[in-house]
Amino acid sequence: MDKHKKKRLEIILEAPALHRLTHVLDSAGASGYTVFPALGGRGKNGQWSREGLVGGAGQMVMVVCITDPSRAETILAEIMGLLRRQIGIVSMSEVEVVRGERF
């Protein structure tokens, strides 16, 4: 089975900024992404949970984007431009996929 090296970007940010992030990903050439609800966690400012929150304010989401390495740095730079004004965490790692043409 053929495997293809790609980059995986994981972005955790406040739910109200999700539309701006997906616009950045689309504009920067990401071929796709998946959005997950972030239910809770612990960070620099302590533990947090979305339990009891109403609406999008205070809620967090995680967006996963797998892309070709040639596009990863451009996408990352655009994401960091957005996050200068938002709460968020970004990580990038190397992954191997089996259907490389999708990315």
Protein backbone atom coordinates (compact mmCIF):
# COMPACT_ATOMS: atom_id res chain seq x y z
CA MET A 1 0.00 0.00 0.00
CA ASP A 2 1.37 3.41 -1.00
CA LYS A 3 1.70 6.04 1.71
CA HIS A 4 2.12 9.77 1.13
CA LYS A 5 3.74 12.25 3.52
CA LYS A 6 1.51 15.18 4.47
CA LYS A 7 1.23 17.79 7.22
CA ARG A 8 -1.52 17.72 9.84
CA LEU A 9 -2.58 21.02 11.37
CA GLU A 10 -4.68 20.99 14.54
CA ILE A 11 -6.24 24.26 15.63
CA ILE A 12 -8.21 24.76 18.82
CA LEU A 13 -10.02 28.08 19.03
CA GLU A 14 -13.15 29.80 20.27
CA ALA A 15 -16.26 28.67 18.39
CA PRO A 16 -17.31 32.21 17.36
CA ALA A 17 -14.07 32.50 15.32
CA LEU A 18 -14.68 29.25 13.41
CA HIS A 19 -16.14 30.95 10.34
CA ARG A 20 -13.08 33.22 10.07
CA LEU A 21 -10.76 30.21 10.41
CA THR A 22 -12.54 28.21 7.71
CA HIS A 23 -12.39 31.26 5.44
CA VAL A 24 -8.62 31.46 6.05
CA LEU A 25 -8.21 27.74 5.32
CA ASP A 26 -10.24 27.99 2.12
CA SER A 27 -8.38 31.11 0.95
CA ALA A 28 -4.96 29.59 1.72
CA GLY A 29 -5.64 26.53 -0.42
CA ALA A 30 -6.54 23.84 2.12
CA SER A 31 -8.31 21.03 0.30
CA GLY A 32 -10.44 20.17 3.34
CA TYR A 33 -10.75 20.07 7.11
CA THR A 34 -12.87 18.56 9.87
CA VAL A 35 -14.38 20.41 12.83
CA PHE A 36 -14.85 18.75 16.23
CA PRO A 37 -16.46 20.18 19.37
CA ALA A 38 -13.95 20.62 22.19
CA LEU A 39 -15.70 19.44 25.35
CA GLY A 40 -13.17 20.59 27.91
CA GLY A 41 -9.55 20.53 28.93
CA ARG A 42 -6.84 22.19 30.92
CA GLY A 43 -4.54 24.95 29.80
CA LYS A 44 -2.42 27.86 30.96
CA ASN A 45 -5.36 29.42 32.80
CA GLY A 46 -6.56 26.18 34.40
CA GLN A 47 -9.35 23.75 33.68
CA TRP A 48 -12.28 24.61 31.42
CA SER A 49 -15.45 22.89 30.25
CA ARG A 50 -18.24 23.71 27.84
CA GLU A 51 -20.73 22.19 30.27
CA GLY A 52 -23.48 24.66 31.07
CA LEU A 53 -22.56 27.13 28.32
CA VAL A 54 -25.39 28.47 26.20
CA GLY A 55 -24.71 29.46 22.59
CA GLY A 56 -21.26 29.72 21.04
CA ALA A 57 -19.69 32.21 23.46
CA GLY A 58 -17.00 30.51 25.52
CA GLN A 59 -17.20 27.27 23.55
CA MET A 60 -14.14 25.86 21.82
CA VAL A 61 -13.74 23.78 18.66
CA MET A 62 -10.88 21.80 17.16
CA VAL A 63 -10.21 21.90 13.43
CA VAL A 64 -8.02 19.26 11.78
CA CYS A 65 -6.58 19.95 8.35
CA ILE A 66 -4.30 17.56 6.46
CA THR A 67 -2.48 19.19 3.58
CA ASP A 68 0.40 18.83 1.20
CA PRO A 69 3.71 19.96 2.75
CA SER A 70 4.14 22.55 -0.02
CA ARG A 71 1.00 24.36 1.22
CA ALA A 72 1.44 23.83 4.97
CA GLU A 73 3.65 26.86 5.73
CA THR A 74 1.38 29.24 3.80
CA ILE A 75 -1.69 27.91 5.59
CA LEU A 76 0.09 28.08 8.96
CA ALA A 77 1.12 31.71 8.39
CA GLU A 78 -2.49 32.64 7.58
CA ILE A 79 -3.80 30.83 10.66
CA MET A 80 -1.29 32.59 12.90
CA GLY A 81 -2.42 35.93 11.47
CA LEU A 82 -5.95 35.13 12.62
CA LEU A 83 -4.89 33.85 16.03
CA ARG A 84 -3.03 37.04 16.90
CA ARG A 85 -6.50 38.35 17.75
CA GLN A 86 -8.06 35.14 19.16
CA ILE A 87 -7.53 32.57 21.87
CA GLY A 88 -6.15 29.46 20.20
CA ILE A 89 -3.58 26.70 19.97
CA VAL A 90 -1.99 25.39 16.79
CA SER A 91 0.11 22.28 16.25
CA MET A 92 1.61 20.83 13.09
CA SER A 93 2.89 17.31 12.64
CA GLU A 94 3.95 14.96 9.88
CA VAL A 95 1.52 12.21 8.92
CA GLU A 96 1.24 9.55 6.24
CA VAL A 97 -2.00 9.04 4.33
CA VAL A 98 -3.02 6.26 1.99
CA ARG A 99 -5.10 8.35 -0.41
CA GLY A 100 -2.68 11.15 -1.17
CA GLU A 101 -4.68 12.54 -4.09
CA ARG A 102 -7.29 13.81 -1.63
CA PHE A 103 -4.87 16.33 -0.12
